[in-house]
Amino acid sequence: MLLDLLTHFCLCTDIHKAPSLNAANAWMMRSSALIAQGLGDNATAAMLRAAADKLSALVRSKLYVGGDAGGFWACEQPDGTLVQVRSVPPGP
């Protein structure tokens, strides 16, 4: 019940392909690559870096929406439509 309410009222655009979560995943893959390399597992490190590069490029090419005001991001819905999203800065 609570998840349904949150999904409907708070997270309706961020529950599918959200740029911030995917960017965080790419950062985690790059961080994991550093650990793998430090442990001598260069093959895993290379695989993680390649996956992070691919994900980052996809996020920028598909979810970034340019604009005169400096651009903004979109979240992709299951039907392929993009919903524009913007962050609202916290109040004082």
N, C-alpha and C. Protein backbone atom coordinates (compact mmCIF):
# COMPACT_ATOMS: atom_id res chain seq x y z
N MET A 1 0.83 -1.19 0.00
CA MET A 1 0.00 0.00 0.00
C MET A 1 0.88 1.26 0.00
N LEU A 2 1.85 1.35 0.92
CA LEU A 2 2.71 2.52 0.98
C LEU A 2 3.52 2.65 -0.30
N LEU A 3 4.03 1.53 -0.81
CA LEU A 3 4.80 1.58 -2.06
C LEU A 3 3.94 2.07 -3.20
N ASP A 4 2.69 1.64 -3.24
CA ASP A 4 1.78 2.11 -4.29
C ASP A 4 1.59 3.62 -4.20
N LEU A 5 1.43 4.14 -2.98
CA LEU A 5 1.25 5.58 -2.81
C LEU A 5 2.51 6.34 -3.22
N LEU A 6 3.67 5.86 -2.79
CA LEU A 6 4.91 6.52 -3.15
C LEU A 6 5.12 6.50 -4.66
N THR A 7 4.84 5.37 -5.26
CA THR A 7 5.00 5.24 -6.70
C THR A 7 4.09 6.20 -7.43
N HIS A 8 2.86 6.32 -6.96
CA HIS A 8 1.89 7.17 -7.64
C HIS A 8 2.18 8.65 -7.44
N PHE A 9 2.49 9.03 -6.21
CA PHE A 9 2.61 10.46 -5.90
C PHE A 9 4.02 11.01 -5.93
N CYS A 10 5.01 10.19 -5.64
CA CYS A 10 6.37 10.73 -5.48
C CYS A 10 7.33 10.29 -6.56
N LEU A 11 7.23 9.08 -7.00
CA LEU A 11 8.27 8.51 -7.84
C LEU A 11 7.80 8.14 -9.23
N CYS A 12 6.70 8.68 -9.67
CA CYS A 12 6.10 8.17 -10.90
C CYS A 12 7.01 8.28 -12.11
N THR A 13 7.93 9.23 -12.17
CA THR A 13 8.81 9.31 -13.34
C THR A 13 10.14 8.60 -13.11
N ASP A 14 10.48 8.29 -11.89
CA ASP A 14 11.79 7.73 -11.58
C ASP A 14 11.80 6.22 -11.38
N ILE A 15 10.72 5.53 -11.69
CA ILE A 15 10.68 4.10 -11.39
C ILE A 15 11.18 3.23 -12.53
N HIS A 16 11.51 3.83 -13.67
CA HIS A 16 11.95 3.03 -14.80
C HIS A 16 13.41 3.36 -15.12
N LYS A 17 13.69 4.00 -16.21
CA LYS A 17 15.07 4.33 -16.58
C LYS A 17 15.37 5.75 -16.16
N ALA A 18 15.94 5.90 -14.97
CA ALA A 18 16.24 7.21 -14.42
C ALA A 18 17.72 7.52 -14.60
N PRO A 19 18.06 8.72 -15.06
CA PRO A 19 19.47 9.03 -15.31
C PRO A 19 20.34 8.98 -14.07
N SER A 20 19.85 9.47 -12.96
CA SER A 20 20.70 9.53 -11.76
C SER A 20 21.07 8.15 -11.25
N LEU A 21 20.13 7.23 -11.26
CA LEU A 21 20.43 5.87 -10.79
C LEU A 21 21.39 5.15 -11.73
N ASN A 22 21.22 5.37 -13.02
CA ASN A 22 22.13 4.75 -13.98
C ASN A 22 23.52 5.36 -13.92
N ALA A 23 23.59 6.67 -13.69
CA ALA A 23 24.90 7.30 -13.52
C ALA A 23 25.59 6.76 -12.27
N ALA A 24 24.82 6.54 -11.22
CA ALA A 24 25.39 5.96 -10.00
C ALA A 24 25.88 4.54 -10.26
N ASN A 25 25.16 3.78 -11.05
CA ASN A 25 25.60 2.42 -11.40
C ASN A 25 26.92 2.46 -12.16
N ALA A 26 27.05 3.40 -13.09
CA ALA A 26 28.30 3.52 -13.85
C ALA A 26 29.45 3.88 -12.90
N TRP A 27 29.22 4.79 -11.97
CA TRP A 27 30.26 5.15 -11.00
C TRP A 27 30.66 3.95 -10.16
N MET A 28 29.67 3.14 -9.73
CA MET A 28 29.98 1.95 -8.92
C MET A 28 30.78 0.93 -9.73
N MET A 29 30.46 0.80 -11.02
CA MET A 29 31.23 -0.12 -11.86
C MET A 29 32.68 0.35 -11.99
N ARG A 30 32.87 1.67 -12.15
CA ARG A 30 34.24 2.20 -12.24
C ARG A 30 35.00 2.01 -10.93
N SER A 31 34.31 2.22 -9.82
CA SER A 31 34.94 2.01 -8.51
C SER A 31 35.29 0.54 -8.30
N SER A 32 34.40 -0.33 -8.72
CA SER A 32 34.66 -1.77 -8.60
C SER A 32 35.82 -2.18 -9.51
N ALA A 33 35.95 -1.51 -10.66
CA ALA A 33 37.07 -1.80 -11.56
C ALA A 33 38.40 -1.47 -10.89
N LEU A 34 38.44 -0.37 -10.14
CA LEU A 34 39.67 -0.02 -9.42
C LEU A 34 40.03 -1.09 -8.38
N ILE A 35 39.01 -1.61 -7.71
CA ILE A 35 39.25 -2.66 -6.72
C ILE A 35 39.74 -3.93 -7.41
N ALA A 36 39.06 -4.30 -8.50
CA ALA A 36 39.47 -5.51 -9.24
C ALA A 36 40.90 -5.38 -9.74
N GLN A 37 41.24 -4.20 -10.26
CA GLN A 37 42.60 -3.99 -10.75
C GLN A 37 43.59 -4.08 -9.60
N GLY A 38 43.25 -3.52 -8.45
CA GLY A 38 44.12 -3.60 -7.28
C GLY A 38 44.35 -5.02 -6.81
N LEU A 39 43.37 -5.88 -7.06
CA LEU A 39 43.49 -7.30 -6.70
C LEU A 39 44.13 -8.13 -7.81
N GLY A 40 44.51 -7.44 -8.89
CA GLY A 40 45.19 -8.14 -9.98
C GLY A 40 44.26 -8.76 -11.01
N ASP A 41 42.97 -8.51 -10.92
CA ASP A 41 42.01 -9.07 -11.87
C ASP A 41 41.75 -8.05 -12.98
N ASN A 42 42.72 -7.95 -13.87
CA ASN A 42 42.64 -6.95 -14.93
C ASN A 42 41.52 -7.21 -15.93
N ALA A 43 41.17 -8.46 -16.16
CA ALA A 43 40.10 -8.78 -17.10
C ALA A 43 38.77 -8.26 -16.57
N THR A 44 38.50 -8.49 -15.30
CA THR A 44 37.26 -7.99 -14.70
C THR A 44 37.25 -6.47 -14.68
N ALA A 45 38.39 -5.86 -14.37
CA ALA A 45 38.49 -4.40 -14.35
C ALA A 45 38.16 -3.83 -15.73
N ALA A 46 38.69 -4.43 -16.77
CA ALA A 46 38.44 -3.96 -18.13
C ALA A 46 36.97 -4.13 -18.50
N MET A 47 36.38 -5.26 -18.11
CA MET A 47 34.97 -5.51 -18.40
C MET A 47 34.09 -4.49 -17.70
N LEU A 48 34.40 -4.19 -16.43
CA LEU A 48 33.61 -3.21 -15.68
C LEU A 48 33.74 -1.81 -16.27
N ARG A 49 34.95 -1.43 -16.66
CA ARG A 49 35.14 -0.11 -17.27
C ARG A 49 34.38 0.00 -18.59
N ALA A 50 34.42 -1.04 -19.39
CA ALA A 50 33.71 -1.03 -20.67
C ALA A 50 32.20 -0.93 -20.45
N ALA A 51 31.68 -1.66 -19.48
CA ALA A 51 30.25 -1.60 -19.18
C ALA A 51 29.86 -0.22 -18.67
N ALA A 52 30.71 0.38 -17.83
CA ALA A 52 30.43 1.71 -17.31
C ALA A 52 30.45 2.74 -18.43
N ASP A 53 31.41 2.64 -19.34
CA ASP A 53 31.48 3.57 -20.46
C ASP A 53 30.24 3.45 -21.35
N LYS A 54 29.81 2.22 -21.60
CA LYS A 54 28.63 2.00 -22.43
C LYS A 54 27.38 2.57 -21.76
N LEU A 55 27.21 2.32 -20.47
CA LEU A 55 26.05 2.82 -19.75
C LEU A 55 26.05 4.34 -19.70
N SER A 56 27.21 4.94 -19.42
CA SER A 56 27.30 6.40 -19.36
C SER A 56 26.94 7.03 -20.71
N ALA A 57 27.44 6.46 -21.78
CA ALA A 57 27.14 6.98 -23.11
C ALA A 57 25.66 6.85 -23.43
N LEU A 58 25.06 5.75 -23.03
CA LEU A 58 23.64 5.53 -23.28
C LEU A 58 22.80 6.53 -22.49
N VAL A 59 23.15 6.76 -21.24
CA VAL A 59 22.41 7.73 -20.41
C VAL A 59 22.49 9.11 -21.05
N ARG A 60 23.68 9.52 -21.46
CA ARG A 60 23.83 10.86 -22.06
C ARG A 60 23.10 10.96 -23.39
N SER A 61 23.18 9.94 -24.22
CA SER A 61 22.59 10.03 -25.55
C SER A 61 21.07 9.88 -25.54
N LYS A 62 20.55 9.09 -24.61
CA LYS A 62 19.12 8.81 -24.62
C LYS A 62 18.32 9.65 -23.63
N LEU A 63 18.88 9.95 -22.46
CA LEU A 63 18.10 10.58 -21.40
C LEU A 63 18.39 12.06 -21.20
N TYR A 64 19.43 12.59 -21.85
CA TYR A 64 19.70 14.03 -21.74
C TYR A 64 18.91 14.76 -22.81
N VAL A 65 18.15 15.75 -22.39
CA VAL A 65 17.35 16.55 -23.31
C VAL A 65 17.94 17.95 -23.31
N GLY A 66 18.50 18.36 -24.43
CA GLY A 66 19.10 19.68 -24.52
C GLY A 66 18.04 20.78 -24.46
N GLY A 67 18.49 21.95 -24.22
CA GLY A 67 17.56 23.08 -24.18
C GLY A 67 18.30 24.38 -24.01
N ASP A 68 17.60 25.49 -24.27
CA ASP A 68 18.20 26.81 -24.15
C ASP A 68 18.61 27.14 -22.72
N ALA A 69 17.95 26.55 -21.76
CA ALA A 69 18.23 26.84 -20.35
C ALA A 69 19.31 25.92 -19.79
N GLY A 70 20.10 25.30 -20.65
CA GLY A 70 21.16 24.44 -20.16
C GLY A 70 20.81 22.97 -20.20
N GLY A 71 19.61 22.64 -20.59
CA GLY A 71 19.20 21.26 -20.72
C GLY A 71 18.69 20.65 -19.43
N PHE A 72 18.13 19.48 -19.55
CA PHE A 72 17.59 18.75 -18.41
C PHE A 72 17.56 17.28 -18.77
N TRP A 73 17.05 16.48 -17.88
CA TRP A 73 17.05 15.03 -18.06
C TRP A 73 15.63 14.52 -18.25
N ALA A 74 15.54 13.29 -18.71
CA ALA A 74 14.26 12.62 -18.87
C ALA A 74 14.37 11.22 -18.31
N CYS A 75 13.24 10.65 -17.93
CA CYS A 75 13.15 9.26 -17.51
C CYS A 75 12.36 8.51 -18.57
N GLU A 76 12.85 7.35 -18.95
CA GLU A 76 12.16 6.55 -19.96
C GLU A 76 11.13 5.65 -19.30
N GLN A 77 9.93 5.65 -19.84
CA GLN A 77 8.84 4.83 -19.35
C GLN A 77 8.83 3.50 -20.10
N PRO A 78 8.09 2.50 -19.60
CA PRO A 78 8.09 1.18 -20.24
C PRO A 78 7.65 1.20 -21.71
N ASP A 79 6.81 2.17 -22.09
CA ASP A 79 6.37 2.23 -23.48
C ASP A 79 7.34 2.99 -24.38
N GLY A 80 8.48 3.43 -23.82
CA GLY A 80 9.49 4.12 -24.59
C GLY A 80 9.38 5.64 -24.58
N THR A 81 8.30 6.17 -24.04
CA THR A 81 8.18 7.63 -23.98
C THR A 81 9.14 8.19 -22.93
N LEU A 82 9.56 9.43 -23.16
CA LEU A 82 10.45 10.11 -22.23
C LEU A 82 9.66 11.18 -21.49
N VAL A 83 9.79 11.18 -20.18
CA VAL A 83 9.13 12.17 -19.33
C VAL A 83 10.21 13.10 -18.79
N GLN A 84 10.05 14.39 -19.05
CA GLN A 84 11.02 15.37 -18.57
C GLN A 84 11.00 15.44 -17.06
N VAL A 85 12.18 15.49 -16.47
CA VAL A 85 12.28 15.60 -15.01
C VAL A 85 13.25 16.71 -14.66
N ARG A 86 12.96 17.37 -13.59
CA ARG A 86 13.84 18.42 -13.09
C ARG A 86 13.88 18.30 -11.57
N SER A 87 14.98 18.67 -10.99
CA SER A 87 15.09 18.65 -9.54
C SER A 87 14.65 20.00 -8.98
N VAL A 88 14.02 19.94 -7.85
CA VAL A 88 13.63 21.15 -7.15
C VAL A 88 14.58 21.30 -5.96
N PRO A 89 15.32 22.41 -5.89
CA PRO A 89 16.26 22.55 -4.77
C PRO A 89 15.50 22.62 -3.45
N PRO A 90 16.12 22.10 -2.40
CA PRO A 90 15.46 22.15 -1.09
C PRO A 90 15.30 23.58 -0.61
N GLY A 91 14.28 23.79 0.17
CA GLY A 91 14.01 25.12 0.72
C GLY A 91 15.00 25.50 1.81
N PRO A 92 14.89 26.72 2.29
CA PRO A 92 15.83 27.19 3.32
C PRO A 92 15.75 26.42 4.61
